[in-house]
N, C-alpha and C. Protein backbone atom coordinates (compact mmCIF):
# COMPACT_ATOMS: atom_id res chain seq x y z
N UNK A 1 -1.24 -11.32 -10.69
CA UNK A 1 -1.22 -10.32 -11.73
C UNK A 1 -1.34 -8.95 -11.09
N UNK A 2 -0.55 -8.00 -11.52
CA UNK A 2 -0.61 -6.63 -11.02
C UNK A 2 -1.78 -5.90 -11.64
N UNK A 3 -2.27 -4.92 -10.92
CA UNK A 3 -3.40 -4.14 -11.42
C UNK A 3 -2.97 -3.23 -12.56
N UNK A 4 -3.91 -2.90 -13.40
CA UNK A 4 -3.65 -1.95 -14.47
C UNK A 4 -3.78 -0.54 -13.91
N UNK A 5 -3.37 0.45 -14.69
CA UNK A 5 -3.42 1.83 -14.23
C UNK A 5 -4.85 2.25 -13.87
N UNK A 6 -5.84 1.71 -14.54
CA UNK A 6 -7.22 2.10 -14.25
C UNK A 6 -7.70 1.58 -12.91
N UNK A 7 -7.05 0.58 -12.34
CA UNK A 7 -7.45 0.04 -11.05
C UNK A 7 -6.43 0.35 -9.95
N UNK A 8 -5.39 1.09 -10.29
CA UNK A 8 -4.37 1.42 -9.30
C UNK A 8 -4.96 2.27 -8.18
N UNK A 9 -4.60 1.99 -6.93
CA UNK A 9 -5.10 2.80 -5.82
C UNK A 9 -4.66 4.25 -5.97
N UNK A 10 -5.47 5.16 -5.45
CA UNK A 10 -5.19 6.59 -5.53
C UNK A 10 -5.19 7.21 -4.15
N UNK A 11 -4.53 8.35 -4.02
CA UNK A 11 -4.60 9.20 -2.82
C UNK A 11 -4.20 8.48 -1.54
N UNK A 12 -3.04 7.84 -1.55
CA UNK A 12 -2.52 7.20 -0.35
C UNK A 12 -2.30 8.27 0.72
N UNK A 13 -2.86 8.02 1.90
CA UNK A 13 -2.70 8.94 3.03
C UNK A 13 -2.10 8.17 4.19
N UNK A 14 -1.16 8.78 4.89
CA UNK A 14 -0.49 8.17 6.03
C UNK A 14 -0.74 9.01 7.27
N UNK A 15 -0.99 8.33 8.39
CA UNK A 15 -1.23 9.05 9.63
C UNK A 15 -0.55 8.29 10.77
N UNK A 16 0.25 9.02 11.55
CA UNK A 16 0.89 8.43 12.72
C UNK A 16 -0.16 8.31 13.82
N UNK A 17 -0.37 7.09 14.30
CA UNK A 17 -1.31 6.81 15.38
C UNK A 17 -0.59 6.00 16.44
N UNK A 18 -1.24 5.77 17.56
CA UNK A 18 -0.60 5.06 18.66
C UNK A 18 -0.09 3.67 18.30
N UNK A 19 -0.76 2.99 17.37
CA UNK A 19 -0.38 1.63 17.00
C UNK A 19 0.64 1.57 15.86
N UNK A 20 1.03 2.73 15.31
CA UNK A 20 1.98 2.75 14.20
C UNK A 20 1.58 3.78 13.17
N UNK A 21 1.74 3.43 11.91
CA UNK A 21 1.34 4.31 10.82
C UNK A 21 0.15 3.68 10.11
N UNK A 22 -0.95 4.42 10.08
CA UNK A 22 -2.14 3.97 9.39
C UNK A 22 -2.09 4.47 7.95
N UNK A 23 -2.23 3.54 7.02
CA UNK A 23 -2.26 3.87 5.60
C UNK A 23 -3.67 3.66 5.08
N UNK A 24 -4.18 4.64 4.33
CA UNK A 24 -5.50 4.49 3.71
C UNK A 24 -5.42 5.04 2.30
N UNK A 25 -6.32 4.59 1.43
CA UNK A 25 -6.30 4.97 0.03
C UNK A 25 -7.69 4.81 -0.55
N UNK A 26 -7.84 5.26 -1.79
CA UNK A 26 -9.10 5.13 -2.50
C UNK A 26 -8.96 4.08 -3.60
N UNK A 27 -9.99 3.27 -3.76
CA UNK A 27 -10.01 2.26 -4.82
C UNK A 27 -10.43 2.90 -6.13
N UNK A 28 -10.00 2.35 -7.22
CA UNK A 28 -10.37 2.83 -8.55
C UNK A 28 -10.96 1.66 -9.34
N UNK A 29 -11.88 1.93 -10.21
CA UNK A 29 -12.36 0.92 -11.14
C UNK A 29 -13.47 0.02 -10.65
N UNK A 30 -13.81 0.02 -9.37
CA UNK A 30 -14.91 -0.77 -8.87
C UNK A 30 -14.73 -2.28 -8.98
N UNK A 31 -13.50 -2.76 -8.96
CA UNK A 31 -13.23 -4.19 -9.06
C UNK A 31 -13.27 -4.80 -7.66
N UNK A 32 -14.24 -5.66 -7.40
CA UNK A 32 -14.40 -6.27 -6.08
C UNK A 32 -13.42 -7.40 -5.81
N UNK A 33 -12.66 -7.83 -6.81
CA UNK A 33 -11.74 -8.96 -6.61
C UNK A 33 -10.31 -8.50 -6.35
N UNK A 34 -10.12 -7.22 -6.09
CA UNK A 34 -8.78 -6.71 -5.81
C UNK A 34 -8.42 -6.87 -4.34
N UNK A 35 -7.16 -7.17 -4.10
CA UNK A 35 -6.58 -7.00 -2.78
C UNK A 35 -5.42 -6.03 -2.95
N UNK A 36 -4.84 -5.61 -1.86
CA UNK A 36 -3.80 -4.58 -1.90
C UNK A 36 -2.56 -5.04 -1.16
N UNK A 37 -1.42 -4.46 -1.55
CA UNK A 37 -0.15 -4.74 -0.92
C UNK A 37 0.52 -3.41 -0.59
N UNK A 38 1.02 -3.28 0.64
CA UNK A 38 1.69 -2.07 1.09
C UNK A 38 3.18 -2.31 1.19
N UNK A 39 3.95 -1.36 0.63
CA UNK A 39 5.41 -1.41 0.67
C UNK A 39 5.94 -0.13 1.28
N UNK A 40 7.19 -0.17 1.79
CA UNK A 40 7.89 1.04 2.22
C UNK A 40 9.36 0.91 1.86
N UNK A 41 10.02 2.06 1.73
CA UNK A 41 11.43 2.07 1.36
C UNK A 41 12.08 3.35 1.88
N UNK A 42 13.39 3.42 1.78
CA UNK A 42 14.14 4.58 2.24
C UNK A 42 14.18 5.70 1.20
N UNK A 43 13.83 5.39 -0.04
CA UNK A 43 13.83 6.38 -1.12
C UNK A 43 12.52 6.28 -1.88
N UNK A 44 12.26 7.28 -2.71
CA UNK A 44 11.03 7.29 -3.49
C UNK A 44 10.87 5.96 -4.24
N UNK A 45 9.68 5.41 -4.21
CA UNK A 45 9.40 4.12 -4.82
C UNK A 45 8.82 4.33 -6.21
N UNK A 46 9.54 3.87 -7.22
CA UNK A 46 9.05 3.93 -8.59
C UNK A 46 8.78 2.55 -9.14
N UNK A 47 9.25 1.52 -8.44
CA UNK A 47 9.06 0.13 -8.84
C UNK A 47 9.14 -0.72 -7.58
N UNK A 48 8.24 -1.67 -7.43
CA UNK A 48 8.23 -2.50 -6.21
C UNK A 48 9.07 -3.77 -6.35
N UNK A 49 9.66 -3.98 -7.52
CA UNK A 49 10.52 -5.15 -7.71
C UNK A 49 11.64 -5.12 -6.67
N UNK A 50 11.80 -6.22 -5.98
CA UNK A 50 12.85 -6.33 -4.98
C UNK A 50 12.46 -5.83 -3.60
N UNK A 51 11.31 -5.19 -3.46
CA UNK A 51 10.86 -4.74 -2.15
C UNK A 51 10.05 -5.83 -1.46
N UNK A 52 10.18 -5.90 -0.16
CA UNK A 52 9.40 -6.84 0.63
C UNK A 52 8.15 -6.14 1.13
N UNK A 53 6.97 -6.71 0.89
CA UNK A 53 5.74 -6.07 1.36
C UNK A 53 5.68 -5.98 2.88
N UNK A 54 5.11 -4.90 3.37
CA UNK A 54 4.82 -4.78 4.80
C UNK A 54 3.58 -5.61 5.11
N UNK A 55 2.55 -5.43 4.28
CA UNK A 55 1.29 -6.17 4.39
C UNK A 55 0.84 -6.54 2.99
N UNK A 56 0.26 -7.72 2.85
CA UNK A 56 -0.27 -8.12 1.55
C UNK A 56 -1.60 -8.83 1.75
N UNK A 57 -2.35 -9.00 0.66
CA UNK A 57 -3.66 -9.62 0.76
C UNK A 57 -4.66 -8.77 1.51
N UNK A 58 -4.46 -7.46 1.49
CA UNK A 58 -5.32 -6.52 2.23
C UNK A 58 -6.64 -6.38 1.47
N UNK A 59 -7.74 -6.68 2.13
CA UNK A 59 -9.06 -6.62 1.48
C UNK A 59 -9.75 -5.28 1.69
N UNK A 60 -9.29 -4.50 2.65
CA UNK A 60 -9.90 -3.21 2.98
C UNK A 60 -9.11 -2.08 2.32
N UNK A 61 -9.56 -0.86 2.50
CA UNK A 61 -8.87 0.31 1.95
C UNK A 61 -8.01 1.01 3.00
N UNK A 62 -7.63 0.24 4.01
CA UNK A 62 -6.77 0.75 5.07
C UNK A 62 -5.98 -0.40 5.67
N UNK A 63 -4.81 -0.09 6.17
CA UNK A 63 -3.99 -1.08 6.87
C UNK A 63 -3.06 -0.35 7.82
N UNK A 64 -2.39 -1.10 8.67
CA UNK A 64 -1.51 -0.52 9.68
C UNK A 64 -0.09 -1.03 9.48
N UNK A 65 0.87 -0.12 9.53
CA UNK A 65 2.28 -0.48 9.64
C UNK A 65 2.59 -0.41 11.13
N UNK A 66 2.54 -1.57 11.78
CA UNK A 66 2.67 -1.63 13.23
C UNK A 66 4.10 -1.43 13.71
N UNK A 67 5.06 -1.56 12.80
CA UNK A 67 6.47 -1.41 13.15
C UNK A 67 7.14 -0.41 12.21
N UNK A 68 6.80 0.88 12.32
CA UNK A 68 7.40 1.86 11.42
C UNK A 68 8.91 1.87 11.51
N UNK A 69 9.53 2.15 10.40
CA UNK A 69 10.99 2.20 10.32
C UNK A 69 11.50 3.59 10.68
N UNK A 70 12.67 3.64 11.29
CA UNK A 70 13.31 4.93 11.57
C UNK A 70 13.90 5.55 10.31
N UNK A 71 14.11 4.74 9.27
CA UNK A 71 14.79 5.23 8.06
C UNK A 71 13.96 5.12 6.79
N UNK A 72 12.99 4.24 6.75
CA UNK A 72 12.18 4.03 5.54
C UNK A 72 10.86 4.80 5.66
N UNK A 73 10.79 5.93 4.96
CA UNK A 73 9.63 6.82 5.11
C UNK A 73 8.80 6.97 3.84
N UNK A 74 9.10 6.21 2.82
CA UNK A 74 8.33 6.26 1.57
C UNK A 74 7.44 5.04 1.50
N UNK A 75 6.17 5.25 1.18
CA UNK A 75 5.20 4.17 1.11
C UNK A 75 4.53 4.16 -0.26
N UNK A 76 4.10 2.96 -0.68
CA UNK A 76 3.29 2.82 -1.88
C UNK A 76 2.36 1.63 -1.67
N UNK A 77 1.18 1.73 -2.24
CA UNK A 77 0.22 0.63 -2.21
C UNK A 77 -0.07 0.21 -3.64
N UNK A 78 -0.14 -1.10 -3.86
CA UNK A 78 -0.47 -1.63 -5.18
C UNK A 78 -1.72 -2.48 -5.08
N UNK A 79 -2.44 -2.57 -6.18
CA UNK A 79 -3.63 -3.42 -6.26
C UNK A 79 -3.24 -4.72 -6.95
N UNK A 80 -3.79 -5.81 -6.48
CA UNK A 80 -3.55 -7.12 -7.07
C UNK A 80 -4.90 -7.72 -7.45
N UNK A 81 -5.04 -8.09 -8.70
CA UNK A 81 -6.27 -8.68 -9.21
C UNK A 81 -6.26 -10.15 -8.84
N UNK A 82 -7.17 -10.54 -7.96
CA UNK A 82 -7.24 -11.93 -7.52
C UNK A 82 -7.80 -12.74 -8.64
């Protein structure tokens, strides 16, 4: 089940580091049973349908894109209610 707007992650920040691109965000709603999924695409992401996750089942508020794309520079994180 996808998260509702009240539990959607906020303030996604991306930083280029030696190991790739580090993505971090803030949790909303205080739900301890959420995990997160990170996506990227070549254009602005308004819907994740059809996109393949970079990382899923993320329990922390940060993850690494270890293989950044030369062409896909848009990222989004979604919350998943376990």
